[in-house]
Amino acid sequence: MELFDQLLLLVISLIANLFSAVAGGGAGLLQLPALLFLGLPFGVALATHKVASVFLGLGATARHLKSSTFDWHFVSFILLMGLPGVVLGASIILQIDDRVAQGLLGLLTLGLGLYSWFKPELGQLSAPVNRDLRGYLVGGLVLFVIGALNGSLTSGTGLFVTIWLVRWFGLDYKAAVAYTMVLVGIFWNGTGAITLGILGDIEWSWLPALIVGSLLGGYLGAHLAIVKGNRLIKRSFEVITILVGISLMAKALA
């Protein structure tokens, strides 16, 4: 890549990952289309973006570990339920036409944003619920499905985890985003990147700018979310989900 393209990628990656770290997902809204616009095929762009997204998780984690308290049994549960779905989704995405899936995912994502918008108190206070056997079974099944979406369609699936942790398990937005950035950002995206790298190709020469932007954006976004709290995170989540939903539907119809 030419120096100008690397600088452009760095700026796009920084902005995309900063907002993603605040909202709990959505970096693919800007970053993946940028890779496609600059000439990468979809499968290569998706795998390259997945690798870069791991560094979003690392940057955000570096900040969240300073001030967030994690339930490590809950951490293990999210990983156990989500990672098999990620592998499944990443294994099949390179074989199918994803336009219909993107359109449906976009519609659902838009609906999540509007749902949160019209629920002013959603996720403002932590009130743990559904921590019995039935709650974990239903919650785990949905996390598996979201994991499959995460492995196959990169735009916005971290947002699904964030809203599910808020709506089903009763976390506030601040805690939900912390879990999403650490677990989805590092482990889910890392698993997806490895699977896509084995089955497809990664454009390694594009990664330096993406990695720097992801690390800085992740750290700065996590810091902003921690300092400003649930109200800003909720509003950011709603704006990002609505934009991601519209973007996915537009791509599906193009």
C-alpha atoms as a PDB file:
ATOM      1  CA  MET A   1       0.000   0.000   0.000  1.00  0.00           C
ATOM      2  CA  GLU A   2       1.047   3.592  -0.588  1.00  0.00           C
ATOM      3  CA  LEU A   3       1.691   5.820   2.429  1.00  0.00           C
ATOM      4  CA  PHE A   4      -1.483   7.849   1.800  1.00  0.00           C
ATOM      5  CA  ASP A   5      -3.617   4.695   1.854  1.00  0.00           C
ATOM      6  CA  GLN A   6      -1.985   3.582   5.116  1.00  0.00           C
ATOM      7  CA  LEU A   7      -2.683   6.976   6.704  1.00  0.00           C
ATOM      8  CA  LEU A   8      -6.281   6.857   5.458  1.00  0.00           C
ATOM      9  CA  LEU A   9      -6.735   3.406   6.949  1.00  0.00           C
ATOM     10  CA  LEU A  10      -5.217   4.557  10.234  1.00  0.00           C
ATOM     11  CA  VAL A  11      -7.664   7.467  10.548  1.00  0.00           C
ATOM     12  CA  ILE A  12     -10.687   5.352   9.566  1.00  0.00           C
ATOM     13  CA  SER A  13      -9.652   2.581  11.951  1.00  0.00           C
ATOM     14  CA  LEU A  14      -9.094   5.009  14.838  1.00  0.00           C
ATOM     15  CA  ILE A  15     -12.533   6.623  14.411  1.00  0.00           C
ATOM     16  CA  ALA A  16     -14.369   3.329  13.857  1.00  0.00           C
ATOM     17  CA  ASN A  17     -12.813   1.593  16.845  1.00  0.00           C
ATOM     18  CA  LEU A  18     -13.206   4.568  19.175  1.00  0.00           C
ATOM     19  CA  PHE A  19     -16.965   4.623  18.596  1.00  0.00           C
ATOM     20  CA  SER A  20     -17.110   0.840  18.750  1.00  0.00           C
ATOM     21  CA  ALA A  21     -15.399   0.782  22.147  1.00  0.00           C
ATOM     22  CA  VAL A  22     -17.930   3.300  23.478  1.00  0.00           C
ATOM     23  CA  ALA A  23     -21.021   1.623  22.030  1.00  0.00           C
ATOM     24  CA  GLY A  24     -20.032  -2.023  22.473  1.00  0.00           C
ATOM     25  CA  GLY A  25     -19.534  -2.913  18.803  1.00  0.00           C
ATOM     26  CA  GLY A  26     -19.917  -1.651  15.268  1.00  0.00           C
ATOM     27  CA  ALA A  27     -16.321  -1.099  14.107  1.00  0.00           C
ATOM     28  CA  GLY A  28     -17.133  -2.897  10.862  1.00  0.00           C
ATOM     29  CA  LEU A  29     -19.523  -0.084   9.917  1.00  0.00           C
ATOM     30  CA  LEU A  30     -16.564   2.007   8.674  1.00  0.00           C
ATOM     31  CA  GLN A  31     -13.581  -0.305   8.665  1.00  0.00           C
ATOM     32  CA  LEU A  32     -14.855  -3.186   6.507  1.00  0.00           C
ATOM     33  CA  PRO A  33     -16.344  -0.946   3.764  1.00  0.00           C
ATOM     34  CA  ALA A  34     -13.035   0.969   3.694  1.00  0.00           C
ATOM     35  CA  LEU A  35     -11.135  -2.258   3.003  1.00  0.00           C
ATOM     36  CA  LEU A  36     -13.590  -3.180   0.249  1.00  0.00           C
ATOM     37  CA  PHE A  37     -13.423   0.319  -1.268  1.00  0.00           C
ATOM     38  CA  LEU A  38      -9.614   0.152  -1.380  1.00  0.00           C
ATOM     39  CA  GLY A  39      -9.781  -3.033  -3.392  1.00  0.00           C
ATOM     40  CA  LEU A  40      -9.804  -6.127  -1.170  1.00  0.00           C
ATOM     41  CA  PRO A  41     -12.199  -8.988  -2.061  1.00  0.00           C
ATOM     42  CA  PHE A  42     -14.900  -9.611   0.565  1.00  0.00           C
ATOM     43  CA  GLY A  43     -13.353 -12.760   2.064  1.00  0.00           C
ATOM     44  CA  VAL A  44      -9.879 -11.198   2.361  1.00  0.00           C
ATOM     45  CA  ALA A  45     -11.322  -7.942   3.728  1.00  0.00           C
ATOM     46  CA  LEU A  46     -13.363  -9.839   6.332  1.00  0.00           C
ATOM     47  CA  ALA A  47     -10.381 -11.894   7.525  1.00  0.00           C
ATOM     48  CA  THR A  48      -8.115  -8.808   7.635  1.00  0.00           C
ATOM     49  CA  HIS A  49     -10.744  -6.845   9.570  1.00  0.00           C
ATOM     50  CA  LYS A  50     -11.135  -9.713  12.038  1.00  0.00           C
ATOM     51  CA  VAL A  51      -7.425  -9.673  12.821  1.00  0.00           C
ATOM     52  CA  ALA A  52      -7.481  -5.910  13.356  1.00  0.00           C
ATOM     53  CA  SER A  53     -10.566  -6.211  15.581  1.00  0.00           C
ATOM     54  CA  VAL A  54      -8.601  -8.354  18.024  1.00  0.00           C
ATOM     55  CA  PHE A  55      -6.454  -5.287  18.719  1.00  0.00           C
ATOM     56  CA  LEU A  56      -9.608  -3.245  19.368  1.00  0.00           C
ATOM     57  CA  GLY A  57     -10.318  -5.764  22.122  1.00  0.00           C
ATOM     58  CA  LEU A  58      -6.753  -5.547  23.437  1.00  0.00           C
ATOM     59  CA  GLY A  59      -6.827  -1.741  23.522  1.00  0.00           C
ATOM     60  CA  ALA A  60     -10.206  -1.644  25.271  1.00  0.00           C
ATOM     61  CA  THR A  61      -9.218  -4.421  27.673  1.00  0.00           C
ATOM     62  CA  ALA A  62      -6.107  -2.499  28.736  1.00  0.00           C
ATOM     63  CA  ARG A  63      -8.429   0.249  29.983  1.00  0.00           C
ATOM     64  CA  HIS A  64     -11.318  -1.837  31.327  1.00  0.00           C
ATOM     65  CA  LEU A  65      -9.109  -4.044  33.487  1.00  0.00           C
ATOM     66  CA  LYS A  66      -8.076  -0.957  35.447  1.00  0.00           C
ATOM     67  CA  SER A  67     -11.588  -0.138  36.619  1.00  0.00           C
ATOM     68  CA  SER A  68     -14.012  -2.974  35.768  1.00  0.00           C
ATOM     69  CA  THR A  69     -14.770  -6.046  37.874  1.00  0.00           C
ATOM     70  CA  PHE A  70     -15.471  -9.244  35.962  1.00  0.00           C
ATOM     71  CA  ASP A  71     -17.371 -12.340  37.082  1.00  0.00           C
ATOM     72  CA  TRP A  72     -14.988 -14.986  35.741  1.00  0.00           C
ATOM     73  CA  HIS A  73     -17.611 -17.743  35.841  1.00  0.00           C
ATOM     74  CA  PHE A  74     -19.787 -15.536  33.628  1.00  0.00           C
ATOM     75  CA  VAL A  75     -16.773 -14.876  31.398  1.00  0.00           C
ATOM     76  CA  SER A  76     -16.266 -18.637  30.960  1.00  0.00           C
ATOM     77  CA  PHE A  77     -19.953 -19.108  30.158  1.00  0.00           C
ATOM     78  CA  ILE A  78     -19.915 -16.452  27.396  1.00  0.00           C
ATOM     79  CA  LEU A  79     -16.793 -17.976  25.848  1.00  0.00           C
ATOM     80  CA  LEU A  80     -18.098 -21.540  26.068  1.00  0.00           C
ATOM     81  CA  MET A  81     -21.386 -20.642  24.383  1.00  0.00           C
ATOM     82  CA  GLY A  82     -20.092 -18.204  21.788  1.00  0.00           C
ATOM     83  CA  LEU A  83     -16.835 -19.653  20.455  1.00  0.00           C
ATOM     84  CA  PRO A  84     -18.341 -22.773  18.770  1.00  0.00           C
ATOM     85  CA  GLY A  85     -20.785 -20.477  16.974  1.00  0.00           C
ATOM     86  CA  VAL A  86     -17.920 -18.260  15.789  1.00  0.00           C
ATOM     87  CA  VAL A  87     -16.095 -21.246  14.270  1.00  0.00           C
ATOM     88  CA  LEU A  88     -19.293 -22.461  12.594  1.00  0.00           C
ATOM     89  CA  GLY A  89     -20.092 -19.039  11.134  1.00  0.00           C
ATOM     90  CA  ALA A  90     -16.546 -18.394   9.909  1.00  0.00           C
ATOM     91  CA  SER A  91     -16.441 -21.850   8.306  1.00  0.00           C
ATOM     92  CA  ILE A  92     -19.509 -21.298   6.135  1.00  0.00           C
ATOM     93  CA  ILE A  93     -19.341 -17.579   5.239  1.00  0.00           C
ATOM     94  CA  LEU A  94     -16.781 -18.052   2.446  1.00  0.00           C
ATOM     95  CA  GLN A  95     -19.110 -20.553   0.766  1.00  0.00           C
ATOM     96  CA  ILE A  96     -22.375 -18.570   0.575  1.00  0.00           C
ATOM     97  CA  ASP A  97     -23.876 -15.402  -0.837  1.00  0.00           C
ATOM     98  CA  ASP A  98     -24.396 -13.193   2.204  1.00  0.00           C
ATOM     99  CA  ARG A  99     -26.716 -10.510   0.749  1.00  0.00           C
ATOM    100  CA  VAL A 100     -29.957 -11.925   2.156  1.00  0.00           C
ATOM    101  CA  ALA A 101     -28.316 -12.599   5.520  1.00  0.00           C
ATOM    102  CA  GLN A 102     -26.907  -9.062   5.592  1.00  0.00           C
ATOM    103  CA  GLY A 103     -30.333  -7.584   4.855  1.00  0.00           C
ATOM    104  CA  LEU A 104     -32.008  -9.556   7.623  1.00  0.00           C
ATOM    105  CA  LEU A 105     -29.188  -8.802  10.043  1.00  0.00           C
ATOM    106  CA  GLY A 106     -29.461  -5.110   9.164  1.00  0.00           C
ATOM    107  CA  LEU A 107     -33.197  -5.113   9.849  1.00  0.00           C
ATOM    108  CA  LEU A 108     -32.677  -6.820  13.207  1.00  0.00           C
ATOM    109  CA  THR A 109     -29.827  -4.468  14.146  1.00  0.00           C
ATOM    110  CA  LEU A 110     -31.946  -1.428  13.306  1.00  0.00           C
ATOM    111  CA  GLY A 111     -34.711  -2.872  15.455  1.00  0.00           C
ATOM    112  CA  LEU A 112     -32.322  -3.265  18.402  1.00  0.00           C
ATOM    113  CA  GLY A 113     -31.324   0.386  18.192  1.00  0.00           C
ATOM    114  CA  LEU A 114     -34.926   1.570  18.044  1.00  0.00           C
ATOM    115  CA  TYR A 115     -35.897  -0.765  20.896  1.00  0.00           C
ATOM    116  CA  SER A 116     -33.204   0.713  23.142  1.00  0.00           C
ATOM    117  CA  TRP A 117     -34.113   4.253  22.054  1.00  0.00           C
ATOM    118  CA  PHE A 118     -37.709   3.833  23.209  1.00  0.00           C
ATOM    119  CA  LYS A 119     -36.654   2.220  26.516  1.00  0.00           C
ATOM    120  CA  PRO A 120     -35.066   5.232  28.297  1.00  0.00           C
ATOM    121  CA  GLU A 121     -34.109   3.347  31.482  1.00  0.00           C
ATOM    122  CA  LEU A 122     -32.795   0.209  29.776  1.00  0.00           C
ATOM    123  CA  GLY A 123     -29.303  -0.648  30.995  1.00  0.00           C
ATOM    124  CA  GLN A 124     -28.915   2.351  33.275  1.00  0.00           C
ATOM    125  CA  LEU A 125     -28.759   0.250  36.447  1.00  0.00           C
ATOM    126  CA  SER A 126     -27.416  -3.244  37.059  1.00  0.00           C
ATOM    127  CA  ALA A 127     -30.173  -5.694  38.080  1.00  0.00           C
ATOM    128  CA  PRO A 128     -28.966  -9.280  37.474  1.00  0.00           C
ATOM    129  CA  VAL A 129     -31.709 -11.633  36.243  1.00  0.00           C
ATOM    130  CA  ASN A 130     -32.037 -15.027  34.531  1.00  0.00           C
ATOM    131  CA  ARG A 131     -29.170 -16.609  36.459  1.00  0.00           C
ATOM    132  CA  ASP A 132     -30.999 -19.938  36.922  1.00  0.00           C
ATOM    133  CA  LEU A 133     -30.700 -23.041  34.702  1.00  0.00           C
ATOM    134  CA  ARG A 134     -33.395 -21.935  32.255  1.00  0.00           C
ATOM    135  CA  GLY A 135     -31.910 -18.457  32.037  1.00  0.00           C
ATOM    136  CA  TYR A 136     -28.455 -19.785  31.228  1.00  0.00           C
ATOM    137  CA  LEU A 137     -29.803 -22.273  28.656  1.00  0.00           C
ATOM    138  CA  VAL A 138     -31.768 -19.607  26.765  1.00  0.00           C
ATOM    139  CA  GLY A 139     -29.009 -17.044  27.175  1.00  0.00           C
ATOM    140  CA  GLY A 140     -26.364 -19.512  26.012  1.00  0.00           C
ATOM    141  CA  LEU A 141     -28.345 -20.544  22.938  1.00  0.00           C
ATOM    142  CA  VAL A 142     -28.700 -16.932  21.858  1.00  0.00           C
ATOM    143  CA  LEU A 143     -24.975 -16.309  22.467  1.00  0.00           C
ATOM    144  CA  PHE A 144     -24.203 -19.314  20.234  1.00  0.00           C
ATOM    145  CA  VAL A 145     -26.337 -17.830  17.439  1.00  0.00           C
ATOM    146  CA  ILE A 146     -24.712 -14.412  17.879  1.00  0.00           C
ATOM    147  CA  GLY A 147     -21.325 -16.137  17.771  1.00  0.00           C
ATOM    148  CA  ALA A 148     -22.223 -17.700  14.416  1.00  0.00           C
ATOM    149  CA  LEU A 149     -23.202 -14.260  13.122  1.00  0.00           C
ATOM    150  CA  ASN A 150     -19.952 -12.836  14.501  1.00  0.00           C
ATOM    151  CA  GLY A 151     -17.920 -15.414  12.611  1.00  0.00           C
ATOM    152  CA  SER A 152     -19.768 -14.891   9.348  1.00  0.00           C
ATOM    153  CA  LEU A 153     -20.965 -11.269   9.192  1.00  0.00           C
ATOM    154  CA  THR A 154     -18.661  -8.824  10.884  1.00  0.00           C
ATOM    155  CA  SER A 155     -20.727  -5.632  11.064  1.00  0.00           C
ATOM    156  CA  GLY A 156     -22.448  -5.046  14.360  1.00  0.00           C
ATOM    157  CA  THR A 157     -22.526  -8.436  16.043  1.00  0.00           C
ATOM    158  CA  GLY A 158     -20.733  -7.107  19.128  1.00  0.00           C
ATOM    159  CA  LEU A 159     -23.739  -4.822  19.509  1.00  0.00           C
ATOM    160  CA  PHE A 160     -25.937  -7.923  19.717  1.00  0.00           C
ATOM    161  CA  VAL A 161     -23.884  -9.260  22.608  1.00  0.00           C
ATOM    162  CA  THR A 162     -24.066  -5.907  24.392  1.00  0.00           C
ATOM    163  CA  ILE A 163     -27.851  -5.600  24.155  1.00  0.00           C
ATOM    164  CA  TRP A 164     -28.360  -9.292  25.043  1.00  0.00           C
ATOM    165  CA  LEU A 165     -26.267  -8.960  28.206  1.00  0.00           C
ATOM    166  CA  VAL A 166     -28.309  -5.876  29.127  1.00  0.00           C
ATOM    167  CA  ARG A 167     -31.748  -7.208  28.223  1.00  0.00           C
ATOM    168  CA  TRP A 168     -31.509 -10.862  29.280  1.00  0.00           C
ATOM    169  CA  PHE A 169     -28.928 -10.915  32.072  1.00  0.00           C
ATOM    170  CA  GLY A 170     -29.663  -7.469  33.537  1.00  0.00           C
ATOM    171  CA  LEU A 171     -26.237  -5.850  33.180  1.00  0.00           C
ATOM    172  CA  ASP A 172     -25.985  -2.098  32.841  1.00  0.00           C
ATOM    173  CA  TYR A 173     -24.521  -0.767  29.590  1.00  0.00           C
ATOM    174  CA  LYS A 174     -21.146   0.021  31.139  1.00  0.00           C
ATOM    175  CA  ALA A 175     -20.606  -3.556  32.359  1.00  0.00           C
ATOM    176  CA  ALA A 176     -22.047  -5.087  29.175  1.00  0.00           C
ATOM    177  CA  VAL A 177     -19.675  -3.091  26.964  1.00  0.00           C
ATOM    178  CA  ALA A 178     -16.717  -4.153  29.132  1.00  0.00           C
ATOM    179  CA  TYR A 179     -17.613  -7.836  28.683  1.00  0.00           C
ATOM    180  CA  THR A 180     -18.187  -7.358  24.955  1.00  0.00           C
ATOM    181  CA  MET A 181     -14.904  -5.572  24.338  1.00  0.00           C
ATOM    182  CA  VAL A 182     -12.875  -8.173  26.222  1.00  0.00           C
ATOM    183  CA  LEU A 183     -14.617 -11.388  25.164  1.00  0.00           C
ATOM    184  CA  VAL A 184     -15.907 -10.571  21.682  1.00  0.00           C
ATOM    185  CA  GLY A 185     -13.066  -8.207  20.855  1.00  0.00           C
ATOM    186  CA  ILE A 186     -10.250 -10.589  21.762  1.00  0.00           C
ATOM    187  CA  PHE A 187     -11.539 -14.164  21.922  1.00  0.00           C
ATOM    188  CA  TRP A 188     -14.485 -14.294  19.513  1.00  0.00           C
ATOM    189  CA  ASN A 189     -12.775 -12.137  16.879  1.00  0.00           C
ATOM    190  CA  GLY A 190      -9.469 -13.938  17.442  1.00  0.00           C
ATOM    191  CA  THR A 191     -11.136 -17.310  16.827  1.00  0.00           C
ATOM    192  CA  GLY A 192     -12.867 -15.939  13.732  1.00  0.00           C
ATOM    193  CA  ALA A 193      -9.604 -14.489  12.428  1.00  0.00           C
ATOM    194  CA  ILE A 194      -7.770 -17.810  12.860  1.00  0.00           C
ATOM    195  CA  THR A 195     -10.569 -19.752  11.161  1.00  0.00           C
ATOM    196  CA  LEU A 196     -10.819 -17.296   8.247  1.00  0.00           C
ATOM    197  CA  GLY A 197      -7.027 -17.164   7.982  1.00  0.00           C
ATOM    198  CA  ILE A 198      -6.840 -20.950   7.654  1.00  0.00           C
ATOM    199  CA  LEU A 199      -9.686 -21.167   5.130  1.00  0.00           C
ATOM    200  CA  GLY A 200      -8.979 -17.934   3.252  1.00  0.00           C
ATOM    201  CA  ASP A 201      -6.404 -15.151   3.008  1.00  0.00           C
ATOM    202  CA  ILE A 202      -5.326 -12.172   5.121  1.00  0.00           C
ATOM    203  CA  GLU A 203      -3.774  -9.019   3.622  1.00  0.00           C
ATOM    204  CA  TRP A 204      -0.875  -8.693   6.039  1.00  0.00           C
ATOM    205  CA  SER A 205       0.587  -5.547   4.462  1.00  0.00           C
ATOM    206  CA  TRP A 206      -2.562  -3.584   5.390  1.00  0.00           C
ATOM    207  CA  LEU A 207      -2.511  -4.580   9.043  1.00  0.00           C
ATOM    208  CA  PRO A 208       0.021  -2.145  10.585  1.00  0.00           C
ATOM    209  CA  ALA A 209      -2.247   0.904  10.137  1.00  0.00           C
ATOM    210  CA  LEU A 210      -5.336  -1.074  11.162  1.00  0.00           C
ATOM    211  CA  ILE A 211      -3.642  -2.411  14.287  1.00  0.00           C
ATOM    212  CA  VAL A 212      -2.448   1.005  15.453  1.00  0.00           C
ATOM    213  CA  GLY A 213      -5.878   2.531  14.844  1.00  0.00           C
ATOM    214  CA  SER A 214      -7.611  -0.362  16.614  1.00  0.00           C
ATOM    215  CA  LEU A 215      -5.366  -0.217  19.689  1.00  0.00           C
ATOM    216  CA  LEU A 216      -5.636   3.556  20.100  1.00  0.00           C
ATOM    217  CA  GLY A 217      -9.345   3.678  19.277  1.00  0.00           C
ATOM    218  CA  GLY A 218     -10.127   0.810  21.635  1.00  0.00           C
ATOM    219  CA  TYR A 219      -8.269   2.349  24.551  1.00  0.00           C
ATOM    220  CA  LEU A 220      -9.612   5.885  24.043  1.00  0.00           C
ATOM    221  CA  GLY A 221     -13.169   4.668  23.489  1.00  0.00           C
ATOM    222  CA  ALA A 222     -13.081   2.494  26.612  1.00  0.00           C
ATOM    223  CA  HIS A 223     -11.736   5.419  28.633  1.00  0.00           C
ATOM    224  CA  LEU A 224     -14.521   7.669  27.354  1.00  0.00           C
ATOM    225  CA  ALA A 225     -17.172   5.048  28.168  1.00  0.00           C
ATOM    226  CA  ILE A 226     -15.856   4.574  31.719  1.00  0.00           C
ATOM    227  CA  VAL A 227     -15.593   8.297  32.427  1.00  0.00           C
ATOM    228  CA  LYS A 228     -18.936   9.329  30.914  1.00  0.00           C
ATOM    229  CA  GLY A 229     -21.003   6.315  32.055  1.00  0.00           C
ATOM    230  CA  ASN A 230     -24.210   4.566  31.035  1.00  0.00           C
ATOM    231  CA  ARG A 231     -26.106   7.483  29.489  1.00  0.00           C
ATOM    232  CA  LEU A 232     -23.448   8.203  26.851  1.00  0.00           C
ATOM    233  CA  ILE A 233     -22.905   4.492  26.186  1.00  0.00           C
ATOM    234  CA  LYS A 234     -26.630   3.907  25.691  1.00  0.00           C
ATOM    235  CA  ARG A 235     -27.007   6.797  23.266  1.00  0.00           C
ATOM    236  CA  SER A 236     -23.854   5.773  21.382  1.00  0.00           C
ATOM    237  CA  PHE A 237     -25.151   2.202  21.182  1.00  0.00           C
ATOM    238  CA  GLU A 238     -28.427   3.409  19.699  1.00  0.00           C
ATOM    239  CA  VAL A 239     -26.797   5.657  17.105  1.00  0.00           C
ATOM    240  CA  ILE A 240     -24.314   2.972  16.024  1.00  0.00           C
ATOM    241  CA  THR A 241     -26.932   0.199  15.799  1.00  0.00           C
ATOM    242  CA  ILE A 242     -29.246   2.344  13.686  1.00  0.00           C
ATOM    243  CA  LEU A 243     -26.389   3.289  11.345  1.00  0.00           C
ATOM    244  CA  VAL A 244     -25.125  -0.298  11.115  1.00  0.00           C
ATOM    245  CA  GLY A 245     -28.654  -1.556  10.411  1.00  0.00           C
ATOM    246  CA  ILE A 246     -29.230   0.949   7.621  1.00  0.00           C
ATOM    247  CA  SER A 247     -25.759   0.255   6.173  1.00  0.00           C
ATOM    248  CA  LEU A 248     -26.300  -3.508   6.085  1.00  0.00           C
ATOM    249  CA  MET A 249     -29.710  -3.189   4.426  1.00  0.00           C
ATOM    250  CA  ALA A 250     -28.301  -0.766   1.856  1.00  0.00           C
ATOM    251  CA  LYS A 251     -25.471  -3.173   1.023  1.00  0.00           C
ATOM    252  CA  ALA A 252     -27.926  -6.049   0.677  1.00  0.00           C
ATOM    253  CA  LEU A 253     -30.066  -4.055  -1.770  1.00  0.00           C
ATOM    254  CA  ALA A 254     -27.135  -2.651  -3.794  1.00  0.00           C
END
